[in-house]
Protein backbone atom coordinates (compact mmCIF):
# COMPACT_ATOMS: atom_id res chain seq x y z
CA UNK A 1 44.80 174.81 112.94
CA UNK A 2 42.52 171.18 111.94
CA UNK A 3 41.24 169.88 114.86
CA UNK A 4 41.80 165.66 114.50
CA UNK A 5 38.58 163.63 116.35
CA UNK A 6 38.45 160.01 116.74
CA UNK A 7 35.09 158.69 117.37
CA UNK A 8 34.45 155.49 119.72
CA UNK A 9 32.25 153.17 118.83
CA UNK A 10 29.28 153.78 120.81
CA UNK A 11 29.76 157.24 118.84
CA UNK A 12 29.79 155.90 115.33
CA UNK A 13 27.35 153.64 115.96
CA UNK A 14 24.99 156.11 117.09
CA UNK A 15 26.08 158.23 114.08
CA UNK A 16 25.37 155.52 111.54
CA UNK A 17 22.21 155.03 113.05
CA UNK A 18 21.33 157.83 112.44
CA UNK A 19 22.41 158.34 109.01
CA UNK A 20 20.63 154.86 108.12
CA UNK A 21 16.98 156.51 109.77
CA UNK A 22 17.46 159.82 107.42
CA UNK A 23 17.84 157.85 104.58
CA UNK A 24 15.23 155.35 105.00
CA UNK A 25 12.53 158.59 105.85
CA UNK A 26 14.06 160.07 102.96
CA UNK A 27 13.07 157.24 100.43
CA UNK A 28 9.19 156.41 102.58
CA UNK A 29 8.74 159.83 101.67
CA UNK A 30 10.13 160.19 98.06
CA UNK A 31 12.51 163.31 99.23
CA UNK A 32 15.21 164.65 96.74
CA UNK A 33 18.49 164.77 97.34
CA UNK A 34 20.04 168.42 97.94
CA UNK A 35 21.49 170.11 94.76
CA UNK A 36 21.29 167.07 92.66
CA UNK A 37 22.97 164.63 94.99
CA UNK A 38 21.69 160.84 95.20
CA UNK A 39 18.45 160.80 96.61
CA UNK A 40 18.63 156.51 96.99
CA UNK A 41 20.52 153.88 97.39
CA UNK A 42 23.78 152.87 98.80
CA UNK A 43 25.58 156.26 97.66
CA UNK A 44 22.74 158.80 99.18
CA UNK A 45 23.58 156.56 102.31
CA UNK A 46 27.14 157.07 102.27
CA UNK A 47 26.44 160.94 102.43
CA UNK A 48 23.96 160.57 105.15
CA UNK A 49 26.69 158.25 106.79
CA UNK A 50 29.62 160.65 106.27
CA UNK A 51 27.72 164.06 107.72
CA UNK A 52 26.10 162.70 110.48
CA UNK A 53 29.92 161.39 111.31
CA UNK A 54 30.86 164.93 111.25
CA UNK A 55 27.85 166.24 113.14
CA UNK A 56 29.22 164.13 115.63
CA UNK A 57 32.72 164.88 115.86
CA UNK A 58 32.29 168.47 115.59
CA UNK A 59 29.26 168.28 118.85
CA UNK A 60 32.35 166.28 120.85
CA UNK A 61 34.49 168.47 120.11
CA UNK A 62 32.53 171.74 121.10
CA UNK A 63 30.98 169.77 123.72
CA UNK A 64 27.31 169.85 122.17
CA UNK A 65 26.59 166.51 122.16
CA UNK A 66 23.53 166.28 123.68
CA UNK A 67 21.90 168.68 121.46
CA UNK A 68 22.45 166.11 117.91
CA UNK A 69 20.34 164.57 115.57
CA UNK A 70 16.96 166.73 117.52
CA UNK A 71 15.10 166.85 113.80
CA UNK A 72 12.91 163.84 113.70
CA UNK A 73 12.09 164.71 110.11
CA UNK A 74 14.79 165.65 108.11
CA UNK A 75 13.95 169.71 107.28
CA UNK A 76 15.76 171.65 104.90
CA UNK A 77 17.63 174.93 106.61
CA UNK A 78 17.45 173.54 110.06
CA UNK A 79 20.49 173.34 111.40
CA UNK A 80 22.84 170.37 113.09
CA UNK A 81 23.89 172.81 116.53
CA UNK A 82 23.15 175.60 118.29
CA UNK A 83 22.38 177.90 117.81
CA UNK A 84 22.96 178.49 114.48
CA UNK A 85 25.52 175.53 113.79
CA UNK A 86 25.77 173.43 110.11
CA UNK A 87 28.52 170.83 109.71
CA UNK A 88 29.30 170.27 106.33
CA UNK A 89 31.31 167.30 106.31
CA UNK A 90 33.26 165.99 102.83
CA UNK A 91 35.06 162.30 101.74
CA UNK A 92 38.30 163.23 101.65
CA UNK A 93 40.46 165.75 103.82
CA UNK A 94 41.68 167.40 101.02
CA UNK A 95 38.20 168.20 99.84
CA UNK A 96 37.24 172.10 100.54
CA UNK A 97 34.08 173.57 102.69
CA UNK A 98 30.82 173.39 100.40
CA UNK A 99 28.16 175.40 100.72
CA UNK A 100 24.63 175.22 98.88
CA UNK A 101 23.96 178.74 96.87
CA UNK A 102 20.28 178.70 98.61
CA UNK A 103 21.78 178.03 102.28
CA UNK A 104 20.38 180.62 104.60
CA UNK A 105 22.90 183.28 105.37
CA UNK A 106 22.96 183.93 108.91
CA UNK A 107 24.41 180.14 110.00
CA UNK A 108 27.26 179.38 111.01
CA UNK A 109 29.04 176.46 108.96
CA UNK A 110 32.03 173.99 109.83
CA UNK A 111 34.23 172.30 107.75
CA UNK A 112 34.43 168.43 108.78
CA UNK A 113 36.30 165.83 106.74
CA UNK A 114 36.07 162.43 107.00
CA UNK A 115 38.32 159.67 106.14
CA UNK A 116 39.82 156.57 107.01
CA UNK A 117 38.57 156.34 110.66
CA UNK A 118 39.49 160.10 111.09
CA UNK A 119 37.05 163.32 111.16
CA UNK A 120 39.21 166.27 110.90
CA UNK A 121 37.48 170.06 111.53
CA UNK A 122 39.23 172.49 109.12
CA UNK A 123 37.45 175.93 110.70
CA UNK A 124 34.57 177.55 110.34
CA UNK A 125 32.31 180.89 108.99
CA UNK A 126 29.38 182.96 108.93
CA UNK A 127 27.66 181.93 105.47
CA UNK A 128 26.70 185.13 104.53
CA UNK A 129 31.19 186.27 104.58
CA UNK A 130 31.49 183.25 102.28
CA UNK A 131 28.19 183.96 99.47
CA UNK A 132 30.11 185.48 96.66
CA UNK A 133 30.70 185.16 93.39
CA UNK A 134 33.95 184.93 93.79
CA UNK A 135 33.82 180.99 95.59
CA UNK A 136 31.17 179.81 93.17
CA UNK A 137 32.49 177.13 91.37
CA UNK A 138 30.75 173.55 89.06
CA UNK A 139 32.68 171.09 89.13
CA UNK A 140 29.44 168.60 88.23
CA UNK A 141 27.09 169.94 85.62
CA UNK A 142 23.64 171.47 87.44
CA UNK A 143 25.69 171.13 90.62
CA UNK A 144 27.07 174.47 91.23
CA UNK A 145 28.33 175.49 95.12
CA UNK A 146 30.05 178.23 97.02
CA UNK A 147 33.71 175.79 97.65
CA UNK A 148 35.79 177.77 100.18
CA UNK A 149 39.16 176.90 100.72
CA UNK A 150 40.20 176.40 104.57
CA UNK A 151 42.36 179.16 104.37
CA UNK A 152 39.22 181.73 104.72
CA UNK A 153 37.72 179.65 107.87
CA UNK A 154 38.73 180.34 111.81
CA UNK A 155 39.52 178.07 113.60
CA UNK A 156 37.68 176.17 115.92
CA UNK A 157 39.08 176.97 118.91
CA UNK A 158 37.71 180.94 118.04
CA UNK A 159 34.14 179.11 117.96
CA UNK A 160 34.18 176.69 120.82
CA UNK A 161 35.21 180.14 123.18
CA UNK A 162 32.14 181.77 121.42
CA UNK A 163 30.46 178.84 122.94
CA UNK A 164 31.12 178.73 126.12
CA UNK A 165 30.55 182.63 126.50
CA UNK A 166 27.38 182.30 125.11
CA UNK A 167 26.62 179.18 127.59
CA UNK A 168 26.58 176.60 125.35
CA UNK A 169 28.98 174.53 126.20
CA UNK A 170 31.17 173.66 128.57
């Protein structure tokens, strides 16, 4: 079941501010975009905004907003939320979950999409469960990744229940 999340203005401003901060750090430190993605300019900033908005929506749903945006410097391989959750946000609700080929296998990945004013949380899975050849696609040359359909994902409610049981969420 898809969870639809609307962010209020304070949450949107916080997410967009975080995106701008990340992009500024990346550009001043000449960091490369992941998997040959743009590393500077408007498209790179849009990617950061989409990602931080998805993170905010997921944290809001899971009651983990106090754990958001903890990395002062963007660190490749880090997680977005405890205990090991990484939110992957796409620009269109019809897009699949995209997981990079070099992603840490023990991570939990949440599939979020952001379009218009709405964020949708489609579900979650462990990277190790989808790091399989059958999911590899390369729709853009030199940018192969795992593309996972929402039908493979677990419900967000199940993740919320796990986090409550583990004491991370209320």
